[in-house]
Amino acid sequence: MLDGWVPWPEEAAQRYRAEGFWEGRPLDRLLRDRAETDPERVALVDGEGARWTYAELDARADRQAAGLRRLGIAAGDRVVVQLPNTDAFVVLFFALLRAGAVPVLTLPAHRESELVHVAETAGARALAIPDTHDHFDHRTLARAVRKAVPSVEHVLVAGDAAEFTALDGVDADPVPLPVPDPSDVAVLLLSGGTTGKPKLIPRTHDDYAYNVRASARICGFDSSTVYLVVLPTAHNFALACPGLLGTLLVGGTVVLSPTPSPEDAFALIECERVTVTAVVPPIALLWLDAVEWEEADLSSLRLLQVGGSKLGAEPASRVSPALGCALQQVFGMAEGLLNYTRLDDPPELVAHTQGRPMSPADEIRVVDEDGHDVPPGATGELLTRGPYTLRGYYRAPAHNARSFTDDGYYRTGDLVRVLPSGHLVVEGRAKDQINRGGDKISAEELENHLLAHPAVHDAAVVGMPDATMGERTCAYLVPRGPAVPPTQRELAAFLTERGVAAYKLPDRVEVTDVFPRTSVGKIDKKELGRRITALLHAEGSGAG
């Protein structure tokens, strides 16, 4: 068993097995099973149209697994994977599982600070990278990681390997390999927080396989599903909700897009007759505008999943008319809990909620600042535990002491309220509130109102320091296309007409072309806060 992680209590583990949530099968079997039953079905299509059947993909994973073991990568070794949306990622992911090694999934946007921290925390034995991606040479990054983290012995490169090992030259004749314990860690994901270094999230074969199975069932995936990966393949949403893995589980076809741009994604939807894809709200907003000038045929698309952060009700209501497909809101976390609006939910629930828990074994609590359960329908912090929600971050005992209750509930940091139907409405983050002279303002709530303005493409609300009130509100806006952004006075009139309380009206409005974003694509509000604070200081006002 991998050291440094917190397993489920034995009593809970036995219950999850007895009730059928954990099936005791290694995660890689979802590919092997389909290769045995549907070997000639197309499993994977890359952005340029190259195709691999299930049998071909399965055989490639076997050969690479044998090559990794020959290279000296043993069961339990951690391998940091930083590959873009290519077939190399998919093959290596399954090859590592079969070799008994643990892939540590990072994003192509990560740089030295993140990768050194991740490799060091994981005690990584190897690092897998592209030669270059998005005009950046990852081999230079690899040199810095190896210098800082002595445990990294091997660097595997997709493309020109320079002094390192070429990933496509690793393959060897398949050999019998030991079957991993399904209760052990299969993969380490990265937390998507905006503060501090990313934490490592251990997902076992049992719990992650259940995550994939249950998601595929709720989302109606079957062998006719053609799933377009536009988010990074290492992102939990694109990988397993149901994502790439869920599509392979049911015998569908995965299509890899190099970017989420409308130019790339829309062309692939038309060419490959894509039926489902998943995006984050900024991409959804971009696509909703792009359909006005892009001429691709999107008629095959039946479902757009939107998650990663909350999609406001106004843009949510535009998805079906603009894209001609159903919307599914997804609220979840790489740490575990997933909530989906259901395919038969009425439009009102789909537009205004972020879904309800996936599993009948999901346990949730909504609590106040003192940890007491709030009344039904009231807003509070979401706590959760269940058969696919972690019981502790990897090698992070101090953080675990703050992030989990004594009885195993994970403190998500999300503020929610629960409707009588069981659907959750996300009201923001526990720390994403602005305390304006004692009045608490939810940034999420105000952002949703701002997004309803016809000249606003995207909005982010942050607190700015104030000597008198403690904090005031600053609304950052990205205007829609050529539209003239609204002034503060115009916004105040617009929000007042929508019934927004006077104390919630933005004290300041800043217009920008683009928001700073974290490595997982979320708006970096910490950076926006720094910007407005610096601006106030430069102006000699407000910062106290």
Protein backbone atom coordinates (compact mmCIF):
# COMPACT_ATOMS: atom_id res chain seq x y z
CA MET A 1 0.00 0.00 0.00
CA LEU A 2 1.32 3.46 -0.94
CA ASP A 3 2.67 5.26 2.10
CA GLY A 4 1.50 8.70 3.17
CA TRP A 5 -2.20 8.54 2.37
CA VAL A 6 -5.28 8.19 4.54
CA PRO A 7 -7.50 5.21 3.62
CA TRP A 8 -11.18 4.90 4.44
CA PRO A 9 -11.93 3.38 7.85
CA GLU A 10 -12.28 -0.38 7.50
CA GLU A 11 -15.93 -0.30 8.55
CA ALA A 12 -16.78 2.17 5.75
CA ALA A 13 -14.69 0.23 3.22
CA GLN A 14 -16.50 -3.01 4.02
CA ARG A 15 -19.86 -1.28 3.65
CA TYR A 16 -18.95 0.21 0.25
CA ARG A 17 -17.84 -3.22 -0.98
CA ALA A 18 -20.92 -4.99 0.40
CA GLU A 19 -23.26 -2.44 -1.19
CA GLY A 20 -21.58 -2.75 -4.59
CA PHE A 21 -19.98 0.68 -4.86
CA TRP A 22 -16.50 -0.83 -4.88
CA GLU A 23 -16.16 -3.79 -7.23
CA GLY A 24 -12.56 -4.78 -6.46
CA ARG A 25 -11.30 -4.37 -10.03
CA PRO A 26 -8.20 -2.46 -11.17
CA LEU A 27 -8.96 0.78 -12.97
CA ASP A 28 -7.20 -0.29 -16.17
CA ARG A 29 -9.79 -3.05 -16.71
CA LEU A 30 -12.21 -0.54 -18.19
CA LEU A 31 -9.97 -0.43 -21.29
CA ARG A 32 -9.09 -4.15 -21.25
CA ASP A 33 -12.73 -5.22 -21.02
CA ARG A 34 -13.69 -3.23 -24.12
CA ALA A 35 -10.64 -4.42 -26.03
CA GLU A 36 -11.83 -7.97 -25.41
CA THR A 37 -15.50 -7.38 -26.32
CA ASP A 38 -15.23 -4.66 -29.03
CA PRO A 39 -11.65 -4.82 -30.32
CA GLU A 40 -12.29 -3.16 -33.68
CA ARG A 41 -14.42 -0.29 -32.41
CA VAL A 42 -12.70 3.11 -32.62
CA ALA A 43 -11.61 4.15 -29.14
CA LEU A 44 -9.57 7.28 -29.73
CA VAL A 45 -9.28 10.03 -32.34
CA ASP A 46 -6.68 12.79 -32.07
CA GLY A 47 -7.06 16.39 -33.22
CA GLU A 48 -5.73 15.58 -36.67
CA GLY A 49 -8.03 12.63 -37.26
CA ALA A 50 -5.69 9.70 -36.52
CA ARG A 51 -7.61 6.74 -35.09
CA TRP A 52 -6.91 3.88 -32.69
CA THR A 53 -9.19 0.93 -32.05
CA TYR A 54 -9.70 -0.53 -28.59
CA ALA A 55 -7.42 -3.44 -29.49
CA GLU A 56 -4.67 -1.10 -30.70
CA LEU A 57 -4.90 1.16 -27.67
CA ASP A 58 -4.87 -1.81 -25.30
CA ALA A 59 -1.84 -3.36 -27.02
CA ARG A 60 0.06 -0.06 -26.95
CA ALA A 61 -0.56 0.25 -23.22
CA ASP A 62 0.72 -3.30 -22.65
CA ARG A 63 3.92 -2.65 -24.57
CA GLN A 64 4.60 0.61 -22.83
CA ALA A 65 3.91 -0.91 -19.41
CA ALA A 66 6.51 -3.59 -20.13
CA GLY A 67 8.96 -0.93 -21.26
CA LEU A 68 8.45 1.12 -18.12
CA ARG A 69 9.18 -1.89 -15.93
CA ARG A 70 12.30 -2.64 -17.98
CA LEU A 71 13.37 0.97 -17.45
CA GLY A 72 13.21 0.36 -13.72
CA ILE A 73 9.88 1.96 -12.83
CA ALA A 74 8.43 -0.35 -10.21
CA ALA A 75 5.07 -0.86 -8.55
CA GLY A 76 4.27 2.07 -6.29
CA ASP A 77 6.65 4.50 -8.02
CA ARG A 78 5.14 7.90 -8.67
CA VAL A 79 5.44 9.37 -12.17
CA VAL A 80 4.55 13.02 -12.75
CA VAL A 81 2.64 13.29 -16.03
CA GLN A 82 2.52 16.66 -17.81
CA LEU A 83 1.21 15.87 -21.27
CA PRO A 84 -1.30 17.76 -23.42
CA ASN A 85 -4.36 16.33 -25.16
CA THR A 86 -2.63 13.67 -27.26
CA ASP A 87 -2.74 9.90 -27.58
CA ALA A 88 0.57 9.81 -25.64
CA PHE A 89 -1.30 10.84 -22.48
CA VAL A 90 -3.92 8.11 -22.84
CA VAL A 91 -1.40 5.34 -23.55
CA LEU A 92 0.91 6.38 -20.72
CA PHE A 93 -1.95 6.66 -18.22
CA PHE A 94 -2.99 3.04 -18.79
CA ALA A 95 0.61 1.84 -19.09
CA LEU A 96 1.42 3.26 -15.66
CA LEU A 97 -1.64 1.62 -14.13
CA ARG A 98 -0.60 -1.74 -15.60
CA ALA A 99 3.00 -1.32 -14.45
CA GLY A 100 1.68 -0.70 -10.94
CA ALA A 101 3.09 2.85 -10.90
CA VAL A 102 1.04 5.85 -9.83
CA PRO A 103 0.49 8.66 -12.35
CA VAL A 104 0.60 12.12 -10.75
CA LEU A 105 -1.44 14.25 -13.12
CA THR A 106 -0.37 17.83 -13.68
CA LEU A 107 -1.43 20.37 -16.28
CA PRO A 108 0.57 21.64 -19.26
CA ALA A 109 0.29 25.17 -17.84
CA HIS A 110 2.18 24.27 -14.67
CA ARG A 111 5.70 25.61 -14.38
CA GLU A 112 8.72 25.17 -12.13
CA SER A 113 7.09 26.24 -8.86
CA GLU A 114 4.21 23.78 -9.18
CA LEU A 115 6.17 20.90 -10.71
CA VAL A 116 9.02 21.01 -8.19
CA HIS A 117 6.51 21.06 -5.35
CA VAL A 118 4.48 18.19 -6.81
CA ALA A 119 7.50 16.03 -7.66
CA GLU A 120 9.01 16.64 -4.24
CA THR A 121 5.80 15.90 -2.34
CA ALA A 122 5.13 12.77 -4.38
CA GLY A 123 8.73 11.54 -4.19
CA ALA A 124 8.48 11.14 -7.95
CA ARG A 125 10.70 8.64 -9.74
CA ALA A 126 10.02 9.98 -13.22
CA LEU A 127 8.57 12.90 -15.15
CA ALA A 128 6.71 12.67 -18.49
CA ILE A 129 6.54 15.79 -20.67
CA PRO A 130 6.04 16.96 -24.26
CA ASP A 131 9.11 18.37 -25.98
CA THR A 132 7.35 21.68 -26.57
CA HIS A 133 3.78 22.78 -26.11
CA ASP A 134 2.13 26.14 -26.70
CA HIS A 135 5.51 27.72 -27.56
CA PHE A 136 7.12 26.52 -24.31
CA ASP A 137 10.07 24.11 -24.11
CA HIS A 138 9.22 21.60 -21.37
CA ARG A 139 12.67 20.03 -21.54
CA THR A 140 14.11 23.18 -19.95
CA LEU A 141 11.51 22.81 -17.21
CA ALA A 142 12.46 19.16 -16.75
CA ARG A 143 16.09 20.10 -16.21
CA ALA A 144 15.09 22.46 -13.41
CA VAL A 145 12.87 19.82 -11.81
CA ARG A 146 15.61 17.18 -11.88
CA LYS A 147 18.08 19.60 -10.35
CA ALA A 148 15.68 20.46 -7.52
CA VAL A 149 14.26 16.96 -6.93
CA PRO A 150 16.95 14.23 -6.84
CA SER A 151 14.39 11.41 -6.74
CA VAL A 152 13.45 12.12 -10.39
CA GLU A 153 15.68 9.64 -12.24
CA HIS A 154 13.90 9.50 -15.59
CA VAL A 155 12.45 12.12 -17.91
CA LEU A 156 10.19 10.67 -20.62
CA VAL A 157 9.56 12.96 -23.57
CA ALA A 158 6.82 12.82 -26.19
CA GLY A 159 8.68 14.13 -29.23
CA ASP A 160 12.31 15.24 -29.47
CA ALA A 161 13.83 13.89 -26.25
CA ALA A 162 17.18 15.73 -26.38
CA GLU A 163 19.28 14.11 -23.63
CA PHE A 164 16.25 12.42 -22.08
CA THR A 165 14.31 9.23 -22.93
CA ALA A 166 11.92 9.24 -25.88
CA LEU A 167 8.50 8.06 -24.74
CA ASP A 168 7.79 6.29 -28.02
CA GLY A 169 11.02 4.34 -27.65
CA VAL A 170 10.19 2.86 -24.27
CA ASP A 171 8.00 0.03 -25.57
CA ALA A 172 8.96 -3.60 -25.03
CA ASP A 173 7.38 -6.99 -25.63
CA PRO A 174 4.51 -7.48 -23.16
CA VAL A 175 5.28 -9.44 -20.01
CA PRO A 176 3.06 -10.72 -17.19
CA LEU A 177 2.66 -8.02 -14.57
CA PRO A 178 1.24 -8.26 -11.05
CA VAL A 179 -2.35 -7.07 -10.64
CA PRO A 180 -2.55 -4.02 -8.33
CA ASP A 181 -4.62 -4.10 -5.16
CA PRO A 182 -7.89 -2.30 -6.04
CA SER A 183 -7.98 -0.69 -2.60
CA ASP A 184 -4.62 1.00 -3.16
CA VAL A 185 -3.98 4.38 -4.77
CA ALA A 186 -4.34 4.33 -8.57
CA VAL A 187 -3.73 7.99 -9.38
CA LEU A 188 -2.79 11.24 -7.66
CA LEU A 189 -4.77 14.28 -8.84
CA LEU A 190 -4.02 17.91 -8.02
CA SER A 191 -6.24 20.19 -6.01
CA GLY A 192 -7.54 23.21 -7.88
CA GLY A 193 -7.42 25.85 -5.16
CA THR A 194 -6.27 29.41 -5.77
CA THR A 195 -4.18 29.73 -2.61
CA GLY A 196 -0.93 27.97 -1.75
CA LYS A 197 0.76 25.13 -3.58
CA PRO A 198 -1.45 22.37 -5.07
CA LYS A 199 -2.18 19.41 -2.81
CA LEU A 200 -2.13 15.80 -4.00
CA ILE A 201 -5.43 13.92 -4.03
CA PRO A 202 -5.17 10.12 -3.75
CA ARG A 203 -7.81 8.21 -5.73
CA THR A 204 -7.93 4.45 -5.40
CA HIS A 205 -8.81 1.94 -8.13
CA ASP A 206 -12.04 1.16 -6.29
CA ASP A 207 -13.25 4.69 -5.67
CA TYR A 208 -12.21 6.19 -9.00
CA ALA A 209 -13.73 3.32 -10.97
CA TYR A 210 -16.99 3.91 -9.12
CA ASN A 211 -16.68 7.64 -9.86
CA VAL A 212 -16.46 6.79 -13.58
CA ARG A 213 -19.22 4.13 -13.62
CA ALA A 214 -21.79 6.16 -11.73
CA SER A 215 -21.06 9.29 -13.76
CA ALA A 216 -21.44 7.44 -17.06
CA ARG A 217 -24.77 6.00 -15.95
CA ILE A 218 -26.20 9.37 -14.83
CA CYS A 219 -25.02 11.14 -17.98
CA GLY A 220 -26.46 8.52 -20.34
CA PHE A 221 -23.15 7.47 -21.90
CA ASP A 222 -23.23 4.40 -24.13
CA SER A 223 -21.42 2.94 -27.13
CA SER A 224 -22.85 5.67 -29.38
CA THR A 225 -21.24 8.42 -27.29
CA VAL A 226 -18.59 10.51 -29.05
CA TYR A 227 -16.93 12.57 -26.34
CA LEU A 228 -14.79 15.60 -27.17
CA VAL A 229 -11.99 16.39 -24.69
CA VAL A 230 -11.40 20.13 -24.80
CA LEU A 231 -10.22 20.65 -21.22
CA PRO A 232 -6.80 19.22 -20.31
CA THR A 233 -6.99 15.43 -20.13
CA ALA A 234 -5.42 15.55 -16.66
CA HIS A 235 -8.36 17.61 -15.37
CA ASN A 236 -10.67 15.43 -13.27
CA PHE A 237 -13.73 16.80 -15.08
CA ALA A 238 -12.44 15.80 -18.53
CA LEU A 239 -10.87 12.56 -17.33
CA ALA A 240 -13.53 10.91 -15.20
CA CYS A 241 -16.80 12.86 -14.90
CA PRO A 242 -17.56 10.74 -16.96
CA GLY A 243 -15.03 12.13 -19.41
CA LEU A 244 -12.44 10.14 -21.27
CA LEU A 245 -12.55 7.17 -18.90
CA GLY A 246 -16.34 7.02 -18.84
CA THR A 247 -16.46 6.98 -22.62
CA LEU A 248 -13.96 4.11 -22.85
CA LEU A 249 -15.88 2.24 -20.14
CA VAL A 250 -19.03 2.09 -22.29
CA GLY A 251 -17.29 1.53 -25.64
CA GLY A 252 -17.74 5.02 -27.05
CA THR A 253 -15.22 7.12 -28.94
CA VAL A 254 -12.95 9.77 -27.41
CA VAL A 255 -11.92 12.73 -29.58
CA LEU A 256 -9.00 14.87 -28.40
CA SER A 257 -9.00 18.59 -29.16
CA PRO A 258 -5.69 20.46 -28.87
CA THR A 259 -7.45 23.55 -27.50
CA PRO A 260 -10.95 24.57 -26.39
CA SER A 261 -11.10 27.37 -28.97
CA PRO A 262 -14.28 27.49 -31.04
CA GLU A 263 -12.16 27.10 -34.19
CA ASP A 264 -10.67 23.78 -33.03
CA ALA A 265 -13.60 22.41 -31.05
CA PHE A 266 -16.39 23.30 -33.47
CA ALA A 267 -14.51 21.80 -36.41
CA LEU A 268 -14.05 18.52 -34.53
CA ILE A 269 -17.70 18.46 -33.44
CA GLU A 270 -18.72 18.73 -37.07
CA CYS A 271 -16.14 16.31 -38.47
CA GLU A 272 -16.42 13.56 -35.82
CA ARG A 273 -20.14 14.03 -35.06
CA VAL A 274 -19.41 14.66 -31.40
CA THR A 275 -22.35 14.08 -29.06
CA VAL A 276 -21.02 15.26 -25.67
CA THR A 277 -18.35 17.58 -24.35
CA ALA A 278 -17.48 19.33 -21.08
CA VAL A 279 -16.29 22.89 -20.54
CA VAL A 280 -15.77 25.42 -17.77
CA PRO A 281 -17.90 28.61 -17.67
CA PRO A 282 -15.39 30.91 -19.43
CA ILE A 283 -15.30 28.53 -22.39
CA ALA A 284 -19.09 28.20 -22.37
CA LEU A 285 -19.40 31.99 -22.55
CA LEU A 286 -16.93 32.10 -25.43
CA TRP A 287 -18.78 29.40 -27.34
CA LEU A 288 -22.14 31.11 -26.81
CA ASP A 289 -20.72 34.20 -28.53
CA ALA A 290 -18.78 32.24 -31.18
CA VAL A 291 -21.85 30.53 -32.66
CA GLU A 292 -22.76 33.92 -34.08
CA TRP A 293 -19.75 33.87 -36.43
CA GLU A 294 -18.61 30.22 -36.62
CA GLU A 295 -20.41 28.25 -39.34
CA ALA A 296 -19.67 24.67 -38.22
CA ASP A 297 -22.49 22.14 -38.07
CA LEU A 298 -23.07 21.41 -34.37
CA SER A 299 -26.26 19.41 -34.87
CA SER A 300 -24.73 16.17 -33.53
CA LEU A 301 -24.09 17.73 -30.12
CA ARG A 302 -26.72 16.56 -27.66
CA LEU A 303 -25.18 17.49 -24.28
CA LEU A 304 -22.90 20.23 -23.00
CA GLN A 305 -21.60 19.71 -19.48
CA VAL A 306 -20.49 22.85 -17.66
CA GLY A 307 -18.60 22.70 -14.39
CA GLY A 308 -15.37 23.64 -12.65
CA SER A 309 -17.07 26.74 -11.26
CA LYS A 310 -20.64 27.97 -11.18
CA LEU A 311 -22.41 28.86 -14.41
CA GLY A 312 -24.88 31.67 -13.79
CA ALA A 313 -28.56 31.25 -14.56
CA GLU A 314 -28.53 33.82 -17.38
CA PRO A 315 -25.83 32.18 -19.54
CA ALA A 316 -27.22 28.76 -18.57
CA SER A 317 -30.55 29.71 -20.12
CA ARG A 318 -28.78 30.62 -23.39
CA VAL A 319 -27.05 27.26 -23.95
CA SER A 320 -29.88 25.29 -25.54
CA PRO A 321 -31.11 28.06 -27.87
CA ALA A 322 -27.57 28.96 -28.98
CA LEU A 323 -25.92 25.54 -29.27
CA GLY A 324 -28.97 23.37 -29.92
CA CYS A 325 -28.14 20.88 -27.17
CA ALA A 326 -29.09 20.14 -23.59
CA LEU A 327 -27.14 21.64 -20.69
CA GLN A 328 -25.95 19.65 -17.69
CA GLN A 329 -24.57 21.59 -14.76
CA VAL A 330 -21.82 19.78 -12.86
CA PHE A 331 -20.60 20.81 -9.45
CA GLY A 332 -17.82 18.72 -8.03
CA MET A 333 -14.23 18.48 -6.99
CA ALA A 334 -11.22 16.31 -7.68
CA GLU A 335 -11.40 15.40 -4.00
CA GLY A 336 -14.56 13.41 -4.69
CA LEU A 337 -18.17 14.59 -4.43
CA LEU A 338 -19.94 15.10 -7.77
CA ASN A 339 -23.31 16.72 -8.32
CA TYR A 340 -25.13 16.60 -11.65
CA THR A 341 -28.36 18.05 -12.89
CA ARG A 342 -30.18 15.07 -14.34
CA LEU A 343 -31.02 14.69 -18.00
CA ASP A 344 -34.74 14.76 -17.22
CA ASP A 345 -34.62 17.72 -14.82
CA PRO A 346 -36.91 20.63 -15.78
CA PRO A 347 -35.15 23.63 -17.38
CA GLU A 348 -35.63 25.74 -14.26
CA LEU A 349 -33.59 23.34 -12.14
CA VAL A 350 -30.90 23.01 -14.80
CA ALA A 351 -30.51 26.77 -15.13
CA HIS A 352 -30.64 27.67 -11.46
CA THR A 353 -28.96 24.77 -9.63
CA GLN A 354 -25.69 22.89 -9.78
CA GLY A 355 -27.19 19.42 -9.55
CA ARG A 356 -27.63 16.90 -6.79
CA PRO A 357 -25.24 14.29 -5.40
CA MET A 358 -24.33 11.44 -7.73
CA SER A 359 -24.35 8.58 -5.26
CA PRO A 360 -27.00 7.36 -2.81
CA ALA A 361 -24.06 6.87 -0.42
CA ASP A 362 -22.98 10.52 -0.59
CA GLU A 363 -23.40 12.11 2.82
CA ILE A 364 -23.59 15.89 2.97
CA ARG A 365 -23.97 18.44 5.72
CA VAL A 366 -24.42 22.21 5.44
CA VAL A 367 -23.00 23.99 8.48
CA ASP A 368 -22.48 27.48 9.88
CA GLU A 369 -19.18 29.02 10.96
CA ASP A 370 -19.34 27.09 14.25
CA GLY A 371 -19.87 23.74 12.54
CA HIS A 372 -23.57 23.47 13.42
CA ASP A 373 -26.08 22.30 10.83
CA VAL A 374 -28.05 25.19 9.35
CA PRO A 375 -31.85 25.08 8.94
CA PRO A 376 -33.18 23.47 5.73
CA GLY A 377 -32.71 25.79 2.78
CA ALA A 378 -30.24 28.08 4.55
CA THR A 379 -26.77 28.80 3.21
CA GLY A 380 -23.71 27.28 4.84
CA GLU A 381 -20.46 25.46 4.16
CA LEU A 382 -20.75 22.09 2.45
CA LEU A 383 -19.24 19.09 4.22
CA THR A 384 -19.22 15.66 2.58
CA ARG A 385 -18.04 12.08 2.82
CA GLY A 386 -18.80 8.99 0.74
CA PRO A 387 -17.44 6.10 -1.33
CA TYR A 388 -15.40 8.30 -3.69
CA THR A 389 -14.50 11.30 -1.49
CA LEU A 390 -11.00 11.24 -0.02
CA ARG A 391 -10.29 10.98 3.70
CA GLY A 392 -7.03 12.93 3.50
CA TYR A 393 -4.62 14.60 1.10
CA TYR A 394 -1.39 12.79 0.30
CA ARG A 395 1.46 13.53 2.73
CA ALA A 396 -0.31 16.57 4.20
CA PRO A 397 -1.11 15.84 7.87
CA ALA A 398 -1.25 19.49 8.96
CA HIS A 399 -3.62 20.44 6.16
CA ASN A 400 -5.72 17.33 6.78
CA ALA A 401 -6.24 18.39 10.39
CA ARG A 402 -7.92 21.57 9.10
CA SER A 403 -9.74 20.09 6.11
CA PHE A 404 -11.51 17.13 7.72
CA THR A 405 -13.79 16.70 10.68
CA ASP A 406 -13.06 14.10 13.33
CA ASP A 407 -15.70 11.83 11.79
CA GLY A 408 -14.28 12.04 8.26
CA TYR A 409 -16.28 14.78 6.57
CA TYR A 410 -14.34 16.81 4.04
CA ARG A 411 -14.70 20.58 4.45
CA THR A 412 -15.20 21.70 0.84
CA GLY A 413 -15.06 25.45 1.49
CA ASP A 414 -18.09 25.89 -0.79
CA LEU A 415 -21.14 27.80 0.39
CA VAL A 416 -24.36 26.10 -0.71
CA ARG A 417 -28.02 25.80 0.06
CA VAL A 418 -30.04 22.65 -0.56
CA LEU A 419 -33.45 22.73 -2.21
CA PRO A 420 -36.24 20.32 -1.16
CA SER A 421 -35.46 18.32 -4.34
CA GLY A 422 -31.93 17.71 -3.07
CA HIS A 423 -30.37 19.99 -5.68
CA LEU A 424 -27.59 22.28 -4.53
CA VAL A 425 -27.32 25.98 -5.29
CA VAL A 426 -23.74 27.16 -4.98
CA GLU A 427 -23.55 30.58 -3.37
CA GLY A 428 -19.77 31.00 -3.45
CA ARG A 429 -16.75 30.08 -1.41
CA ALA A 430 -16.58 30.37 2.35
CA LYS A 431 -13.84 32.95 1.85
CA ASP A 432 -15.43 34.44 -1.29
CA GLN A 433 -17.53 36.86 0.68
CA ILE A 434 -17.07 40.57 1.02
CA ASN A 435 -17.67 42.03 4.48
CA ARG A 436 -18.77 45.57 3.71
CA GLY A 437 -19.10 47.23 7.08
CA GLY A 438 -20.77 44.16 8.54
CA ASP A 439 -22.95 43.46 5.50
CA LYS A 440 -21.92 40.14 3.91
CA ILE A 441 -21.99 40.15 0.12
CA SER A 442 -21.73 36.93 -1.88
CA ALA A 443 -19.43 37.52 -4.82
CA GLU A 444 -21.12 34.68 -6.75
CA GLU A 445 -24.56 36.21 -6.33
CA LEU A 446 -23.47 39.63 -7.56
CA GLU A 447 -21.54 38.11 -10.47
CA ASN A 448 -24.66 36.26 -11.63
CA HIS A 449 -26.58 39.54 -11.76
CA LEU A 450 -23.75 41.25 -13.65
CA LEU A 451 -23.66 38.45 -16.23
CA ALA A 452 -27.27 39.21 -17.12
CA HIS A 453 -26.25 42.62 -18.51
CA PRO A 454 -26.23 42.45 -22.33
CA ALA A 455 -22.86 44.24 -22.60
CA VAL A 456 -21.07 42.00 -20.06
CA HIS A 457 -19.27 38.88 -21.28
CA ASP A 458 -17.77 37.85 -17.93
CA ALA A 459 -17.61 39.26 -14.41
CA ALA A 460 -15.62 38.79 -11.24
CA VAL A 461 -16.31 40.52 -7.94
CA VAL A 462 -13.58 40.96 -5.34
CA GLY A 463 -13.19 42.84 -2.09
CA MET A 464 -10.97 45.90 -1.94
CA PRO A 465 -9.58 47.33 1.30
CA ASP A 466 -11.29 50.35 2.78
CA ALA A 467 -10.28 52.31 5.87
CA THR A 468 -13.87 53.00 6.91
CA MET A 469 -15.86 49.95 5.85
CA GLY A 470 -13.13 47.34 6.07
CA GLU A 471 -13.97 46.19 2.55
CA ARG A 472 -15.84 47.52 -0.43
CA THR A 473 -16.76 45.75 -3.65
CA CYS A 474 -14.96 45.99 -6.96
CA ALA A 475 -16.55 44.48 -10.07
CA TYR A 476 -14.14 43.47 -12.83
CA LEU A 477 -15.88 43.20 -16.20
CA VAL A 478 -14.94 41.75 -19.58
CA PRO A 479 -17.20 43.43 -22.17
CA ARG A 480 -19.06 41.37 -24.76
CA GLY A 481 -17.51 41.73 -28.21
CA PRO A 482 -17.60 45.31 -29.47
CA ALA A 483 -20.17 46.40 -26.87
CA VAL A 484 -19.43 49.50 -24.82
CA PRO A 485 -19.00 48.40 -21.19
CA PRO A 486 -21.56 49.84 -18.77
CA THR A 487 -20.53 52.62 -16.42
CA GLN A 488 -20.83 52.23 -12.67
CA ARG A 489 -23.97 54.36 -12.68
CA GLU A 490 -25.54 52.31 -15.48
CA LEU A 491 -24.71 49.09 -13.64
CA ALA A 492 -26.24 50.44 -10.45
CA ALA A 493 -29.48 51.25 -12.27
CA PHE A 494 -29.49 47.84 -13.95
CA LEU A 495 -28.90 45.95 -10.70
CA THR A 496 -31.43 48.03 -8.79
CA GLU A 497 -34.03 47.19 -11.41
CA ARG A 498 -33.22 43.51 -10.83
CA GLY A 499 -33.96 43.95 -7.12
CA VAL A 500 -30.37 43.91 -5.86
CA ALA A 501 -29.98 45.53 -2.44
CA ALA A 502 -28.21 48.88 -2.39
CA TYR A 503 -25.37 47.65 -0.18
CA LYS A 504 -24.52 45.00 -2.77
CA LEU A 505 -24.03 47.45 -5.65
CA PRO A 506 -20.39 47.61 -6.80
CA ASP A 507 -18.43 50.44 -5.23
CA ARG A 508 -16.05 50.40 -8.18
CA VAL A 509 -16.03 48.99 -11.72
CA GLU A 510 -12.88 48.00 -13.61
CA VAL A 511 -12.91 46.88 -17.25
CA THR A 512 -10.36 44.39 -18.58
CA ASP A 513 -9.88 42.40 -21.77
CA VAL A 514 -9.12 39.13 -19.98
CA PHE A 515 -9.07 37.75 -16.45
CA PRO A 516 -6.00 36.23 -14.86
CA ARG A 517 -6.59 32.52 -14.36
CA THR A 518 -5.26 29.73 -12.22
CA SER A 519 -3.61 26.69 -13.78
CA VAL A 520 -6.98 24.90 -13.88
CA GLY A 521 -8.72 27.78 -15.66
CA LYS A 522 -10.54 29.40 -12.75
CA ILE A 523 -10.56 33.18 -12.37
CA ASP A 524 -7.64 34.08 -10.11
CA LYS A 525 -9.41 36.34 -7.65
CA LYS A 526 -6.36 36.50 -5.45
CA GLU A 527 -4.52 38.22 -8.31
CA LEU A 528 -7.48 40.55 -8.98
CA GLY A 529 -7.46 41.48 -5.30
CA ARG A 530 -3.76 42.30 -5.49
CA ARG A 531 -4.35 44.43 -8.58
CA ILE A 532 -7.09 46.57 -7.10
CA THR A 533 -5.18 46.97 -3.83
CA ALA A 534 -2.10 48.15 -5.76
CA LEU A 535 -4.25 50.52 -7.79
CA LEU A 536 -5.77 52.01 -4.65
CA HIS A 537 -2.34 52.53 -3.15
CA ALA A 538 -1.14 54.18 -6.36
CA GLU A 539 -4.13 56.50 -6.23
CA GLY A 540 -3.53 57.18 -2.55
CA SER A 541 -7.09 56.23 -1.66
CA GLY A 542 -9.05 53.63 0.19
CA ALA A 543 -6.36 51.23 1.31
CA GLY A 544 -6.23 52.68 4.82
